[in-house]
Protein backbone atom coordinates (compact mmCIF):
# COMPACT_ATOMS: atom_id res chain seq x y z
CA MET A 1 44.22 -14.76 -10.46
CA THR A 2 41.44 -16.22 -8.37
CA ILE A 3 38.31 -14.11 -8.04
CA ILE A 4 37.56 -13.77 -4.33
CA GLU A 5 34.19 -12.68 -2.94
CA THR A 6 34.56 -10.61 0.22
CA ASP A 7 32.42 -8.45 2.46
CA ILE A 8 34.05 -5.33 0.96
CA PRO A 9 32.09 -3.85 -1.97
CA GLN A 10 33.83 -3.94 -5.32
CA VAL A 11 33.23 -1.33 -7.97
CA SER A 12 34.67 -3.42 -10.77
CA GLU A 13 36.31 -6.79 -11.36
CA PRO A 14 40.06 -7.18 -11.79
CA ASN A 15 41.48 -8.54 -15.03
CA SER A 16 40.73 -12.25 -15.32
CA PHE A 17 43.34 -14.95 -15.77
CA GLY A 18 42.16 -18.55 -15.97
CA LEU A 19 44.39 -21.44 -15.00
CA GLN A 20 45.15 -24.14 -17.53
CA ASN A 21 47.29 -27.03 -16.34
CA GLY A 22 48.42 -24.89 -13.43
CA ARG A 23 49.66 -22.08 -15.67
CA PRO A 24 48.11 -18.67 -16.28
CA ALA A 25 46.11 -18.58 -19.49
CA PRO A 26 46.23 -15.48 -21.69
CA VAL A 27 43.62 -12.83 -21.11
CA ARG A 28 40.93 -12.80 -23.78
CA SER A 29 38.81 -9.83 -24.62
CA LYS A 30 35.20 -10.30 -23.55
CA ARG A 31 34.20 -9.16 -27.02
CA MET A 32 35.86 -12.25 -28.46
CA LEU A 33 33.89 -14.64 -26.25
CA GLU A 34 30.25 -15.64 -26.60
CA PRO A 35 28.29 -15.27 -23.34
CA CYS A 36 27.57 -18.42 -21.38
CA TRP A 37 24.49 -20.29 -22.62
CA ALA A 38 24.70 -18.54 -25.99
CA GLU A 39 24.71 -21.88 -27.81
CA SER A 40 23.04 -24.21 -25.31
CA ASP A 41 20.39 -24.14 -22.58
CA VAL A 42 22.67 -26.09 -20.25
CA MET A 43 26.35 -25.55 -19.52
CA ASP A 44 28.97 -27.18 -17.31
CA LEU A 45 30.62 -24.63 -15.02
CA VAL A 46 33.51 -25.07 -12.61
CA CYS A 47 33.36 -24.02 -8.98
CA SER A 48 36.20 -21.53 -8.44
CA GLN A 49 35.60 -20.65 -4.81
CA VAL A 50 33.57 -21.65 -1.76
CA LEU A 51 33.03 -18.98 0.88
CA ALA A 52 31.57 -19.58 4.36
CA VAL A 53 29.18 -16.67 4.94
CA THR A 54 27.51 -17.70 8.22
CA HIS A 55 27.48 -20.87 10.31
CA ASP A 56 24.99 -22.51 7.91
CA VAL A 57 25.30 -20.48 4.69
CA LYS A 58 27.92 -20.80 1.95
CA THR A 59 28.51 -18.95 -1.30
CA PHE A 60 29.63 -20.97 -4.33
CA VAL A 61 31.34 -19.04 -7.12
CA PHE A 62 31.41 -20.42 -10.68
CA THR A 63 33.42 -19.54 -13.77
CA THR A 64 34.34 -21.04 -17.12
CA PRO A 65 37.99 -21.89 -17.92
CA GLU A 66 38.04 -19.36 -20.76
CA ARG A 67 36.30 -16.70 -18.63
CA ARG A 68 33.22 -16.41 -20.78
CA PRO A 69 30.96 -13.62 -19.48
CA PHE A 70 27.70 -14.42 -17.72
CA ASP A 71 24.65 -12.66 -19.13
CA PHE A 72 21.70 -12.34 -16.73
CA GLU A 73 19.56 -9.81 -14.90
CA ALA A 74 19.75 -9.01 -11.20
CA GLY A 75 17.12 -11.10 -9.41
CA GLN A 76 17.15 -14.06 -11.81
CA PHE A 77 17.96 -17.64 -10.81
CA ILE A 78 19.70 -20.66 -12.28
CA THR A 79 18.70 -24.32 -12.08
CA ILE A 80 21.47 -26.73 -11.17
CA ARG A 81 21.61 -30.45 -11.97
CA VAL A 82 23.45 -32.84 -9.66
CA GLU A 83 23.55 -36.61 -9.38
CA ILE A 84 23.07 -37.83 -5.81
CA ASP A 85 23.09 -41.56 -5.04
CA GLY A 86 22.51 -42.33 -8.70
CA GLU A 87 19.52 -40.01 -9.05
CA LEU A 88 19.62 -36.81 -11.14
CA MET A 89 18.18 -33.92 -9.13
CA THR A 90 17.46 -30.30 -10.03
CA ARG A 91 17.14 -27.27 -7.77
CA CYS A 92 16.71 -23.55 -8.39
CA TYR A 93 18.95 -20.97 -6.71
CA THR A 94 18.90 -17.21 -7.12
CA ILE A 95 22.08 -15.65 -8.44
CA ALA A 96 23.57 -13.58 -5.60
CA SER A 97 26.31 -11.93 -7.66
CA PRO A 98 25.47 -8.89 -9.81
CA PRO A 99 25.51 -8.86 -13.63
CA THR A 100 27.88 -5.89 -13.37
CA ARG A 101 30.61 -8.41 -12.47
CA PRO A 102 30.15 -10.73 -15.46
CA ASP A 103 33.28 -12.88 -15.06
CA ARG A 104 31.70 -14.96 -12.33
CA LEU A 105 28.35 -16.26 -11.13
CA ALA A 106 27.64 -16.94 -7.45
CA ILE A 107 24.84 -18.62 -5.55
CA THR A 108 24.41 -18.38 -1.78
CA VAL A 109 22.92 -21.52 -0.24
CA LYS A 110 21.61 -22.17 3.27
CA ARG A 111 21.93 -25.65 4.73
CA VAL A 112 18.43 -26.79 5.67
CA PRO A 113 17.20 -29.88 7.55
CA ASP A 114 16.53 -32.73 5.11
CA GLY A 115 17.64 -30.50 2.23
CA VAL A 116 19.06 -33.16 -0.06
CA VAL A 117 20.67 -30.86 -2.62
CA SER A 118 21.61 -27.99 -0.29
CA ASN A 119 23.32 -30.40 2.10
CA TRP A 120 25.09 -32.10 -0.80
CA LEU A 121 26.40 -28.74 -2.00
CA HIS A 122 27.66 -27.85 1.49
CA ASP A 123 29.34 -31.23 1.95
CA ASN A 124 30.69 -31.96 -1.54
CA LEU A 125 31.01 -28.89 -3.75
CA GLU A 126 34.56 -27.52 -3.63
CA PRO A 127 36.86 -25.54 -5.94
CA GLY A 128 37.54 -27.54 -9.09
CA THR A 129 34.18 -29.35 -9.05
CA TRP A 130 32.15 -29.17 -12.26
CA ILE A 131 28.38 -28.77 -12.19
CA SER A 132 25.63 -28.47 -14.84
CA MET A 133 23.39 -25.41 -14.89
CA HIS A 134 20.41 -24.30 -16.91
CA ALA A 135 20.45 -20.77 -18.30
CA PRO A 136 19.30 -17.96 -15.96
CA ALA A 137 15.55 -17.39 -15.87
CA GLY A 138 12.89 -15.52 -13.94
CA ALA A 139 10.95 -12.26 -14.19
CA PHE A 140 11.74 -10.97 -10.68
CA VAL A 141 14.12 -8.31 -11.96
CA LEU A 142 14.78 -4.60 -11.68
CA PRO A 143 12.79 -2.35 -14.04
CA GLU A 144 14.46 -1.35 -17.30
CA GLU A 145 14.50 2.27 -16.17
CA ASP A 146 15.78 2.90 -12.65
CA ALA A 147 12.94 3.66 -10.23
CA PRO A 148 13.39 6.82 -8.13
CA LYS A 149 12.89 4.87 -4.89
CA TYR A 150 13.11 1.20 -3.91
CA LEU A 151 12.02 -0.85 -0.91
CA PHE A 152 13.76 -4.23 -0.61
CA LEU A 153 12.23 -6.62 1.93
CA SER A 154 13.88 -9.96 2.63
CA ALA A 155 14.18 -12.65 5.27
CA GLY A 156 16.68 -15.47 5.73
CA SER A 157 18.24 -16.76 2.52
CA GLY A 158 15.56 -14.87 0.58
CA ILE A 159 18.07 -12.03 0.68
CA THR A 160 19.88 -13.33 -2.41
CA PRO A 161 17.87 -11.73 -5.26
CA VAL A 162 17.64 -8.32 -3.60
CA LEU A 163 21.31 -8.59 -2.65
CA SER A 164 22.11 -9.02 -6.35
CA MET A 165 19.93 -5.99 -7.10
CA THR A 166 21.63 -3.90 -4.43
CA ARG A 167 25.10 -4.88 -5.61
CA THR A 168 24.07 -3.95 -9.15
CA LEU A 169 22.73 -0.53 -8.15
CA TYR A 170 25.88 0.06 -6.08
CA ASP A 171 28.20 -0.85 -8.94
CA LEU A 172 26.28 1.37 -11.36
CA GLY A 173 26.33 4.32 -8.98
CA SER A 174 22.54 4.50 -8.96
CA GLU A 175 21.07 7.68 -7.49
CA ALA A 176 17.83 5.92 -6.50
CA ASP A 177 16.76 6.08 -2.87
CA ILE A 178 17.12 2.49 -1.59
CA LEU A 179 15.69 1.16 1.68
CA PHE A 180 16.83 -2.42 2.36
CA VAL A 181 15.04 -4.09 5.31
CA HIS A 182 16.26 -7.60 6.15
CA SER A 183 14.88 -9.94 8.82
CA ALA A 184 16.90 -12.69 10.50
CA ARG A 185 16.66 -14.93 13.55
CA THR A 186 19.81 -13.55 15.21
CA PRO A 187 22.66 -11.21 14.22
CA ALA A 188 24.77 -14.32 13.49
CA ASP A 189 22.24 -15.27 10.79
CA ILE A 190 22.44 -12.00 8.82
CA ILE A 191 23.80 -12.95 5.41
CA TYR A 192 26.50 -10.59 4.10
CA ARG A 193 25.95 -8.24 7.02
CA GLY A 194 29.40 -6.65 6.71
CA GLU A 195 29.07 -5.99 2.98
CA LEU A 196 25.60 -4.46 3.29
CA GLU A 197 26.71 -2.14 6.07
CA ALA A 198 29.86 -1.18 4.14
CA MET A 199 27.86 -0.37 1.02
CA ALA A 200 25.50 1.77 3.11
CA ARG A 201 28.48 3.74 4.46
CA LEU A 202 29.80 4.37 0.95
CA MET A 203 26.43 4.94 -0.75
CA PRO A 204 24.54 7.83 0.93
CA ASN A 205 21.26 6.95 -0.80
CA LEU A 206 21.26 3.37 0.57
CA ARG A 207 19.77 2.62 4.00
CA VAL A 208 20.15 -0.89 5.44
CA VAL A 209 17.93 -1.86 8.37
CA GLU A 210 18.27 -5.27 10.00
CA ILE A 211 15.61 -6.80 12.26
CA CYS A 212 16.44 -9.78 14.46
CA GLU A 213 14.13 -11.96 16.52
CA GLY A 214 16.70 -12.31 19.29
CA ASP A 215 20.32 -12.32 20.37
CA ALA A 216 23.07 -14.60 19.08
CA PRO A 217 25.10 -16.68 21.58
CA THR A 218 28.06 -14.36 21.02
CA GLU A 219 26.29 -11.05 20.41
CA ARG A 220 23.50 -9.11 22.04
CA TRP A 221 21.36 -7.50 19.37
CA MET A 222 20.97 -3.74 19.88
CA GLY A 223 18.93 -3.02 16.77
CA LEU A 224 15.25 -3.53 15.92
CA GLN A 225 13.89 -6.72 17.47
CA GLY A 226 10.94 -8.92 16.62
CA ARG A 227 9.38 -9.14 13.19
CA ILE A 228 8.47 -6.68 10.50
CA SER A 229 5.30 -4.83 11.46
CA LYS A 230 3.01 -2.01 10.41
CA PRO A 231 4.56 0.54 12.84
CA VAL A 232 8.07 -0.40 11.66
CA LEU A 233 7.14 0.15 8.01
CA GLU A 234 5.39 3.42 8.81
CA ILE A 235 8.50 4.74 10.61
CA LEU A 236 11.08 3.45 8.11
CA ALA A 237 9.14 4.32 4.95
CA PRO A 238 6.74 7.23 5.44
CA ASP A 239 7.02 7.65 1.65
CA LEU A 240 6.02 4.02 1.09
CA ASN A 241 3.80 4.67 -1.92
CA GLU A 242 6.67 6.34 -3.76
CA ARG A 243 8.74 3.15 -3.64
CA GLU A 244 8.96 0.14 -5.95
CA THR A 245 8.88 -2.89 -3.63
CA PHE A 246 10.73 -6.19 -4.14
CA ILE A 247 10.25 -8.94 -1.56
CA CYS A 248 11.65 -12.44 -1.11
CA GLY A 249 11.71 -14.85 1.81
CA PRO A 250 9.85 -17.78 3.36
CA ALA A 251 6.19 -18.10 2.35
CA GLY A 252 4.89 -17.04 5.78
CA TYR A 253 7.10 -13.95 5.83
CA MET A 254 6.01 -12.85 2.36
CA ALA A 255 2.32 -13.38 3.11
CA SER A 256 2.63 -11.32 6.29
CA ALA A 257 4.60 -8.51 4.63
CA LYS A 258 2.20 -8.38 1.70
CA SER A 259 -0.75 -8.12 4.08
CA LEU A 260 0.96 -5.27 5.93
CA LEU A 261 1.51 -3.35 2.71
CA GLU A 262 -2.12 -3.79 1.73
CA GLU A 263 -3.24 -2.55 5.17
CA LEU A 264 -1.09 0.54 4.66
CA GLY A 265 -2.86 1.25 1.36
CA TYR A 266 0.21 0.53 -0.74
CA ASP A 267 -0.19 0.57 -4.53
CA MET A 268 0.22 -3.16 -5.25
CA GLU A 269 0.95 -2.40 -8.90
CA LYS A 270 4.47 -1.60 -7.65
CA TYR A 271 4.75 -4.84 -5.64
CA HIS A 272 7.04 -7.66 -6.85
CA GLU A 273 7.59 -10.95 -5.04
CA GLU A 274 9.68 -14.06 -5.57
CA SER A 275 9.64 -17.39 -3.78
CA PHE A 276 13.10 -18.90 -3.34
CA ASP A 277 11.56 -22.31 -2.54
CA PHE A 278 9.45 -23.62 -5.38
CA GLY A 279 8.50 -26.77 -3.53
CA ALA A 280 7.28 -29.85 -5.36
CA PRO A 281 5.69 -29.47 -8.79
CA ALA A 282 1.91 -29.51 -8.62
CA VAL A 283 1.49 -32.64 -10.68
CA PRO A 284 -0.39 -35.86 -10.00
CA ALA A 285 1.27 -38.97 -8.67
CA PRO A 286 2.21 -41.57 -11.30
CA THR A 287 -0.55 -44.00 -12.17
CA ALA A 288 -0.84 -46.97 -14.45
CA ALA A 289 0.00 -46.02 -18.03
CA PRO A 290 -3.05 -45.48 -20.28
CA PRO A 291 -3.35 -47.14 -23.68
CA VAL A 292 -0.62 -45.85 -25.99
CA GLU A 293 -2.91 -45.41 -28.96
CA GLN A 294 -6.24 -43.67 -29.48
CA ASP A 295 -8.53 -46.37 -30.84
CA SER A 296 -11.73 -44.43 -31.34
CA GLU A 297 -13.11 -41.04 -32.23
CA ASP A 298 -14.36 -40.64 -28.67
CA GLU A 299 -10.83 -41.08 -27.30
CA ALA A 300 -9.45 -38.65 -29.87
CA ALA A 301 -12.02 -36.05 -28.82
CA ALA A 302 -10.92 -36.47 -25.20
CA GLY A 303 -7.32 -35.50 -25.88
CA PHE A 304 -4.37 -35.29 -28.24
CA SER A 305 -1.53 -37.66 -28.91
CA VAL A 306 1.93 -36.73 -27.63
CA GLU A 307 4.81 -38.62 -29.19
CA PHE A 308 8.25 -38.73 -27.59
CA ALA A 309 10.36 -39.11 -30.72
CA ARG A 310 13.54 -40.50 -29.17
CA THR A 311 11.84 -43.30 -27.25
CA GLY A 312 8.88 -43.86 -29.55
CA ARG A 313 6.53 -43.57 -26.57
CA MET A 314 3.09 -42.12 -27.27
CA ILE A 315 0.60 -40.91 -24.66
CA THR A 316 -2.67 -39.00 -24.61
CA CYS A 317 -2.88 -35.48 -23.20
CA GLY A 318 -6.22 -33.84 -22.47
CA PRO A 319 -6.88 -30.33 -23.82
CA ASP A 320 -6.93 -28.95 -20.24
CA GLU A 321 -3.90 -30.96 -19.12
CA THR A 322 -0.26 -29.88 -19.32
CA LEU A 323 2.27 -32.04 -21.11
CA LEU A 324 4.05 -32.65 -17.80
CA GLU A 325 0.87 -33.73 -16.02
CA ALA A 326 0.04 -36.15 -18.84
CA ALA A 327 3.56 -37.61 -18.89
CA ILE A 328 3.64 -38.20 -15.13
CA ALA A 329 0.12 -39.65 -15.16
CA ALA A 330 1.37 -42.08 -17.82
CA GLY A 331 4.12 -43.30 -15.51
CA MET A 332 6.93 -41.29 -17.07
CA ARG A 333 9.47 -39.20 -15.12
CA PRO A 334 10.37 -36.09 -17.14
CA MET A 335 12.93 -33.78 -15.58
CA SER A 336 11.11 -30.96 -13.76
CA ALA A 337 11.51 -28.75 -10.71
CA CYS A 338 9.22 -25.77 -10.12
CA GLY A 339 6.08 -26.84 -12.01
CA GLN A 340 5.28 -23.15 -12.54
CA GLY A 341 6.99 -22.25 -15.81
CA MET A 342 9.84 -20.50 -14.01
CA CYS A 343 12.93 -22.68 -13.79
CA GLY A 344 13.22 -24.05 -17.34
CA THR A 345 14.06 -27.57 -16.17
CA CYS A 346 11.32 -29.23 -18.22
CA LYS A 347 12.26 -27.42 -21.44
CA VAL A 348 12.10 -29.58 -24.58
CA SER A 349 12.10 -29.07 -28.34
CA MET A 350 8.77 -29.50 -30.12
CA LEU A 351 9.21 -31.15 -33.53
CA SER A 352 5.62 -30.65 -34.62
CA GLY A 353 2.34 -29.38 -33.28
CA GLU A 354 1.16 -26.34 -31.37
CA VAL A 355 0.68 -25.60 -27.66
CA ASP A 356 -0.82 -22.95 -25.44
CA MET A 357 2.12 -22.04 -23.16
CA LYS A 358 1.67 -19.63 -20.24
CA HIS A 359 5.08 -19.40 -18.61
CA ASN A 360 6.60 -17.26 -15.85
CA GLY A 361 9.96 -16.38 -17.36
CA GLY A 362 11.49 -19.84 -17.57
CA ILE A 363 12.03 -19.69 -21.31
CA ARG A 364 13.61 -17.05 -23.51
CA PRO A 365 11.96 -15.51 -26.61
CA LYS A 366 14.62 -16.92 -28.93
CA GLU A 367 13.99 -20.38 -27.51
CA ILE A 368 10.27 -20.06 -28.17
CA ALA A 369 11.12 -18.96 -31.72
CA ASN A 370 13.16 -22.17 -32.04
CA ASN A 371 10.11 -24.30 -31.06
CA LYS A 372 11.11 -25.01 -27.48
CA VAL A 373 8.37 -25.42 -24.87
CA LEU A 374 8.07 -25.89 -21.13
CA MET A 375 6.16 -29.10 -20.44
CA CYS A 376 4.85 -27.88 -17.06
CA CYS A 377 2.85 -24.98 -18.50
CA SER A 378 2.07 -26.10 -22.06
CA LYS A 379 -1.33 -27.47 -23.06
CA PRO A 380 -1.72 -29.09 -26.49
CA LEU A 381 -3.81 -27.51 -29.23
CA GLY A 382 -3.46 -30.64 -31.36
CA ASP A 383 -1.24 -33.68 -31.74
CA ILE A 384 2.34 -33.05 -30.54
CA GLN A 385 5.75 -34.56 -31.26
CA LEU A 386 8.56 -33.83 -28.79
CA ASP A 387 12.30 -34.35 -29.27
CA CYS A 388 12.82 -36.40 -26.13
């Protein structure tokens, strides 16, 4: 049976049958299967469905042949790895599906101008295609205990993490008061408009408000027009300070919305934001490689040696420099994406040494216990040996 994502809310998933050599495979109890990424940080998943959501947005659904369950939290993201024109590229995408439907994992991707990976996905990824993914990561998640009231603010494709949260709360029958305010250019650009409105009809404690900048070619917009503003927030959420706020969208939108909340005297301790576009890692451009050995006490005092065990390469990393910065400055090209300790792309095993690592959710506690580190946010406290 193929799992199909539709605009009609689902309370639970149907029984799962994988296909092996064109024949139905026997159903296996989820208790008999280890969750995805239980043994490895990276897994190969197969695309089981591609769904056109709007004129420039598609949802890609992934499964494993044996229907292993996906274990993640609503709001987290995965990092995909694809080879394009001979170059391995990584990108982070928020998981749009809810963890309450563990037999599948879906990402919703907008085609953007000059978006190398997003355009490749739109043009090449189809059912049956295999793709590598890093384990889910990120701290932009719902609280452990359900908040009494939520405010979800999103714009464009930034809807995906709060969509996953809303689907989760819907599936769990949450009694929390949920106000979901989404901004789009036109009604034709509202992602999963039908599903959101259907959930709001079936869930009395969910209000969905859509704001559009203008009309679509085929539809005149009769709802709120323009952009999110102070008067709009005051009318929609007179109880603003009672709500836990989660926001995601383009950088300009989030900066504006955050400023509005501050002007309204909102308690920013209850404010949570996520950027769905990490941009380029904040690392220096490659330069000529420095000497591979420290030849004097002065050089040793200026930094620590970092040995890459598999290649035998050795570089120097300053005490205030991250491992990733030092590697790139030495002319190396380690795999990396966000540069902020979020995506997990630069995760490596540390064979010896000690680092000061300040991450943002891109590595799990059990991985840290197994001596894994994120190069982008780890500074050496002594000489280091890495398994790469």
